[in-house]
Amino acid sequence: MTDTAVMDAPEARREESEERPRGRRSVLIVDDDPHVREALTELLEAHGYTAAGATDGRDALTYLELHAPPDLILLDLRMPRMNGWNFRLQLERSPLLSGIPIVLLSGSRSLEAQALALNVDGHLHKPVDSKRLLAIVERYCPAGEVPRPEGTRGF
């Protein structure tokens, strides 16, 4: 078993995701730890991505109401007010937001099972390996307007 996984999603979700404009290279980091948000933001911005942070699921929903959908959401599971599970359920109810790819970031021993249960696009164990993170982010936020080949999701 590996620390990195990118999973297949249902066809309907794939179609919704492909309808969103590409090329912004934007990532929303949802994590209650300010050090994690800051470190990931610095890493992503140093590699040409636009990054925004939210302290929990509730703040992330507010962000998504006010801004264009990001190309990718990096999501912690354990957060106050609204955890990653409840945030994911809220996103699935929105036709505009349900297609945003989500990668879980957690130190949980059962991360793989939780990722499968939440039907997300991938997961990374904390502490996050920067090379693996950047490879996954590049998958969903490619340079320029390069579309992914039909029917592909993940490595």
C-alpha atoms as a PDB file:
ATOM      1  CA  MET A   1       0.000   0.000   0.000  1.00  0.00           C
ATOM      2  CA  THR A   2       1.283   3.475  -0.832  1.00  0.00           C
ATOM      3  CA  ASP A   3       0.869   6.883   0.780  1.00  0.00           C
ATOM      4  CA  THR A   4      -0.518   8.235  -2.445  1.00  0.00           C
ATOM      5  CA  ALA A   5      -3.661   7.183  -4.201  1.00  0.00           C
ATOM      6  CA  VAL A   6      -5.797   8.675  -6.892  1.00  0.00           C
ATOM      7  CA  MET A   7      -9.117   6.960  -7.485  1.00  0.00           C
ATOM      8  CA  ASP A   8     -11.708   6.594 -10.189  1.00  0.00           C
ATOM      9  CA  ALA A   9     -14.906   8.579  -9.739  1.00  0.00           C
ATOM     10  CA  PRO A  10     -18.365   7.946 -11.174  1.00  0.00           C
ATOM     11  CA  GLU A  11     -18.906   9.018 -14.782  1.00  0.00           C
ATOM     12  CA  ALA A  12     -21.381  11.777 -13.853  1.00  0.00           C
ATOM     13  CA  ARG A  13     -18.848  13.392 -11.549  1.00  0.00           C
ATOM     14  CA  ARG A  14     -16.155  13.199 -14.232  1.00  0.00           C
ATOM     15  CA  GLU A  15     -18.411  14.982 -16.734  1.00  0.00           C
ATOM     16  CA  GLU A  16     -19.199  17.785 -14.281  1.00  0.00           C
ATOM     17  CA  SER A  17     -15.504  18.230 -13.526  1.00  0.00           C
ATOM     18  CA  GLU A  18     -14.599  18.478 -17.208  1.00  0.00           C
ATOM     19  CA  GLU A  19     -17.189  21.214 -17.769  1.00  0.00           C
ATOM     20  CA  ARG A  20     -15.353  23.600 -15.431  1.00  0.00           C
ATOM     21  CA  PRO A  21     -12.800  25.899 -17.051  1.00  0.00           C
ATOM     22  CA  ARG A  22      -9.212  24.713 -16.686  1.00  0.00           C
ATOM     23  CA  GLY A  23      -5.884  26.448 -16.539  1.00  0.00           C
ATOM     24  CA  ARG A  24      -6.196  28.660 -13.441  1.00  0.00           C
ATOM     25  CA  ARG A  25      -3.973  26.275 -11.466  1.00  0.00           C
ATOM     26  CA  SER A  26      -5.857  27.069  -8.273  1.00  0.00           C
ATOM     27  CA  VAL A  27      -5.951  25.016  -5.090  1.00  0.00           C
ATOM     28  CA  LEU A  28      -8.088  25.444  -1.973  1.00  0.00           C
ATOM     29  CA  ILE A  29      -6.400  24.113   1.171  1.00  0.00           C
ATOM     30  CA  VAL A  30      -8.900  23.223   3.902  1.00  0.00           C
ATOM     31  CA  ASP A  31      -7.064  22.512   7.156  1.00  0.00           C
ATOM     32  CA  ASP A  32      -7.437  23.866  10.684  1.00  0.00           C
ATOM     33  CA  ASP A  33      -3.673  23.874  11.292  1.00  0.00           C
ATOM     34  CA  PRO A  34      -2.337  27.303  10.253  1.00  0.00           C
ATOM     35  CA  HIS A  35       1.186  25.889   9.865  1.00  0.00           C
ATOM     36  CA  VAL A  36      -0.020  23.268   7.396  1.00  0.00           C
ATOM     37  CA  ARG A  37      -2.001  25.851   5.405  1.00  0.00           C
ATOM     38  CA  GLU A  38       0.947  28.243   5.327  1.00  0.00           C
ATOM     39  CA  ALA A  39       3.493  25.583   4.356  1.00  0.00           C
ATOM     40  CA  LEU A  40       1.298  24.163   1.587  1.00  0.00           C
ATOM     41  CA  THR A  41       0.453  27.645   0.308  1.00  0.00           C
ATOM     42  CA  GLU A  42       4.143  28.584   0.132  1.00  0.00           C
ATOM     43  CA  LEU A  43       5.034  25.325  -1.605  1.00  0.00           C
ATOM     44  CA  LEU A  44       2.255  25.620  -4.182  1.00  0.00           C
ATOM     45  CA  GLU A  45       2.841  29.312  -4.885  1.00  0.00           C
ATOM     46  CA  ALA A  46       6.584  28.651  -5.329  1.00  0.00           C
ATOM     47  CA  HIS A  47       5.599  26.202  -8.087  1.00  0.00           C
ATOM     48  CA  GLY A  48       3.262  28.592  -9.912  1.00  0.00           C
ATOM     49  CA  TYR A  49      -0.088  27.672  -8.379  1.00  0.00           C
ATOM     50  CA  THR A  50      -2.627  29.990  -6.832  1.00  0.00           C
ATOM     51  CA  ALA A  51      -3.494  28.798  -3.335  1.00  0.00           C
ATOM     52  CA  ALA A  52      -6.137  29.859  -0.844  1.00  0.00           C
ATOM     53  CA  GLY A  53      -6.774  28.537   2.630  1.00  0.00           C
ATOM     54  CA  ALA A  54      -9.788  27.831   4.809  1.00  0.00           C
ATOM     55  CA  THR A  55      -9.735  26.870   8.499  1.00  0.00           C
ATOM     56  CA  ASP A  56     -12.569  24.332   8.267  1.00  0.00           C
ATOM     57  CA  GLY A  57     -15.417  23.151   6.079  1.00  0.00           C
ATOM     58  CA  ARG A  58     -17.644  26.095   6.940  1.00  0.00           C
ATOM     59  CA  ASP A  59     -14.970  28.637   5.940  1.00  0.00           C
ATOM     60  CA  ALA A  60     -14.329  26.644   2.764  1.00  0.00           C
ATOM     61  CA  LEU A  61     -18.025  26.775   1.794  1.00  0.00           C
ATOM     62  CA  THR A  62     -17.994  30.545   2.333  1.00  0.00           C
ATOM     63  CA  TYR A  63     -14.893  30.819   0.162  1.00  0.00           C
ATOM     64  CA  LEU A  64     -16.549  28.770  -2.594  1.00  0.00           C
ATOM     65  CA  GLU A  65     -19.642  31.004  -2.506  1.00  0.00           C
ATOM     66  CA  LEU A  66     -17.492  34.091  -3.114  1.00  0.00           C
ATOM     67  CA  HIS A  67     -14.877  32.809  -5.583  1.00  0.00           C
ATOM     68  CA  ALA A  68     -14.608  30.750  -8.743  1.00  0.00           C
ATOM     69  CA  PRO A  69     -14.280  27.028  -8.029  1.00  0.00           C
ATOM     70  CA  PRO A  70     -10.669  25.916  -7.614  1.00  0.00           C
ATOM     71  CA  ASP A  71      -9.132  23.227  -9.784  1.00  0.00           C
ATOM     72  CA  LEU A  72      -8.458  21.102  -6.691  1.00  0.00           C
ATOM     73  CA  ILE A  73      -9.318  20.960  -2.988  1.00  0.00           C
ATOM     74  CA  LEU A  74      -6.828  19.583  -0.454  1.00  0.00           C
ATOM     75  CA  LEU A  75      -8.976  18.516   2.488  1.00  0.00           C
ATOM     76  CA  ASP A  76      -8.168  17.607   6.078  1.00  0.00           C
ATOM     77  CA  LEU A  77     -10.740  15.416   7.820  1.00  0.00           C
ATOM     78  CA  ARG A  78     -10.514  16.464  11.466  1.00  0.00           C
ATOM     79  CA  MET A  79     -11.467  20.108  11.911  1.00  0.00           C
ATOM     80  CA  PRO A  80     -13.679  22.088  14.301  1.00  0.00           C
ATOM     81  CA  ARG A  81     -17.113  23.463  13.353  1.00  0.00           C
ATOM     82  CA  MET A  82     -17.389  21.512  10.067  1.00  0.00           C
ATOM     83  CA  ASN A  83     -15.138  18.504   9.498  1.00  0.00           C
ATOM     84  CA  GLY A  84     -14.003  17.123   6.155  1.00  0.00           C
ATOM     85  CA  TRP A  85     -16.778  14.513   6.067  1.00  0.00           C
ATOM     86  CA  ASN A  86     -19.558  17.092   6.400  1.00  0.00           C
ATOM     87  CA  PHE A  87     -17.845  19.450   3.960  1.00  0.00           C
ATOM     88  CA  ARG A  88     -17.665  16.665   1.368  1.00  0.00           C
ATOM     89  CA  LEU A  89     -21.360  15.889   1.840  1.00  0.00           C
ATOM     90  CA  GLN A  90     -22.225  19.565   1.296  1.00  0.00           C
ATOM     91  CA  LEU A  91     -20.177  19.690  -1.918  1.00  0.00           C
ATOM     92  CA  GLU A  92     -21.902  16.602  -3.293  1.00  0.00           C
ATOM     93  CA  ARG A  93     -25.249  18.420  -3.034  1.00  0.00           C
ATOM     94  CA  SER A  94     -24.098  21.230  -5.335  1.00  0.00           C
ATOM     95  CA  PRO A  95     -24.053  20.603  -9.101  1.00  0.00           C
ATOM     96  CA  LEU A  96     -21.489  23.399  -9.542  1.00  0.00           C
ATOM     97  CA  LEU A  97     -19.150  22.186  -6.805  1.00  0.00           C
ATOM     98  CA  SER A  98     -19.562  18.407  -6.772  1.00  0.00           C
ATOM     99  CA  GLY A  99     -17.125  17.911  -9.645  1.00  0.00           C
ATOM    100  CA  ILE A 100     -14.173  19.630  -7.997  1.00  0.00           C
ATOM    101  CA  PRO A 101     -11.450  17.033  -7.437  1.00  0.00           C
ATOM    102  CA  ILE A 102     -10.658  16.446  -3.750  1.00  0.00           C
ATOM    103  CA  VAL A 103      -7.521  14.955  -2.234  1.00  0.00           C
ATOM    104  CA  LEU A 104      -7.606  14.106   1.469  1.00  0.00           C
ATOM    105  CA  LEU A 105      -4.668  15.052   3.679  1.00  0.00           C
ATOM    106  CA  SER A 106      -4.658  13.281   7.016  1.00  0.00           C
ATOM    107  CA  GLY A 107      -2.580  11.399   9.518  1.00  0.00           C
ATOM    108  CA  SER A 108      -5.365   8.876  10.022  1.00  0.00           C
ATOM    109  CA  ARG A 109      -4.390   5.204   9.879  1.00  0.00           C
ATOM    110  CA  SER A 110      -7.629   4.452   8.047  1.00  0.00           C
ATOM    111  CA  LEU A 111      -7.146   7.170   5.429  1.00  0.00           C
ATOM    112  CA  GLU A 112      -7.467   4.848   2.437  1.00  0.00           C
ATOM    113  CA  ALA A 113     -10.799   3.461   3.659  1.00  0.00           C
ATOM    114  CA  GLN A 114     -12.064   6.957   4.445  1.00  0.00           C
ATOM    115  CA  ALA A 115     -11.039   8.184   0.993  1.00  0.00           C
ATOM    116  CA  LEU A 116     -12.989   5.339  -0.601  1.00  0.00           C
ATOM    117  CA  ALA A 117     -16.036   6.008   1.595  1.00  0.00           C
ATOM    118  CA  LEU A 118     -15.991   9.714   0.716  1.00  0.00           C
ATOM    119  CA  ASN A 119     -15.507   9.022  -3.007  1.00  0.00           C
ATOM    120  CA  VAL A 120     -12.640  11.477  -3.307  1.00  0.00           C
ATOM    121  CA  ASP A 121      -9.991  11.597  -5.974  1.00  0.00           C
ATOM    122  CA  GLY A 122      -7.012  10.730  -3.818  1.00  0.00           C
ATOM    123  CA  HIS A 123      -5.294  10.896  -0.473  1.00  0.00           C
ATOM    124  CA  LEU A 124      -1.938  11.700   1.079  1.00  0.00           C
ATOM    125  CA  HIS A 125      -0.764  10.852   4.565  1.00  0.00           C
ATOM    126  CA  LYS A 126       0.552  13.625   6.798  1.00  0.00           C
ATOM    127  CA  PRO A 127       3.268  14.642   7.000  1.00  0.00           C
ATOM    128  CA  VAL A 128       2.884  15.261   3.287  1.00  0.00           C
ATOM    129  CA  ASP A 129       5.733  14.441   0.924  1.00  0.00           C
ATOM    130  CA  SER A 130       6.128  17.561  -1.225  1.00  0.00           C
ATOM    131  CA  LYS A 131       7.085  15.670  -4.403  1.00  0.00           C
ATOM    132  CA  ARG A 132       4.023  13.431  -4.181  1.00  0.00           C
ATOM    133  CA  LEU A 133       1.795  16.408  -3.410  1.00  0.00           C
ATOM    134  CA  LEU A 134       3.109  18.375  -6.380  1.00  0.00           C
ATOM    135  CA  ALA A 135       2.621  15.380  -8.690  1.00  0.00           C
ATOM    136  CA  ILE A 136      -1.028  15.092  -7.652  1.00  0.00           C
ATOM    137  CA  VAL A 137      -1.626  18.830  -7.853  1.00  0.00           C
ATOM    138  CA  GLU A 138      -0.116  18.914 -11.348  1.00  0.00           C
ATOM    139  CA  ARG A 139      -2.547  16.160 -12.385  1.00  0.00           C
ATOM    140  CA  TYR A 140      -5.531  18.404 -11.590  1.00  0.00           C
ATOM    141  CA  CYS A 141      -3.940  21.808 -12.231  1.00  0.00           C
ATOM    142  CA  PRO A 142      -1.855  21.312 -15.372  1.00  0.00           C
ATOM    143  CA  ALA A 143       0.157  24.147 -16.871  1.00  0.00           C
ATOM    144  CA  GLY A 144      -1.854  25.933 -19.552  1.00  0.00           C
ATOM    145  CA  GLU A 145      -5.156  24.697 -20.965  1.00  0.00           C
ATOM    146  CA  VAL A 146      -4.077  21.084 -21.376  1.00  0.00           C
ATOM    147  CA  PRO A 147      -7.141  18.822 -21.074  1.00  0.00           C
ATOM    148  CA  ARG A 148      -6.756  15.356 -19.606  1.00  0.00           C
ATOM    149  CA  PRO A 149      -7.316  12.476 -22.027  1.00  0.00           C
ATOM    150  CA  GLU A 150     -10.901  11.231 -22.139  1.00  0.00           C
ATOM    151  CA  GLY A 151     -11.745   8.774 -19.389  1.00  0.00           C
ATOM    152  CA  THR A 152      -8.610   9.274 -17.297  1.00  0.00           C
ATOM    153  CA  ARG A 153      -8.481  10.165 -13.636  1.00  0.00           C
ATOM    154  CA  GLY A 154      -5.470   9.443 -11.565  1.00  0.00           C
ATOM    155  CA  PHE A 155      -2.156   7.737 -12.095  1.00  0.00           C
END
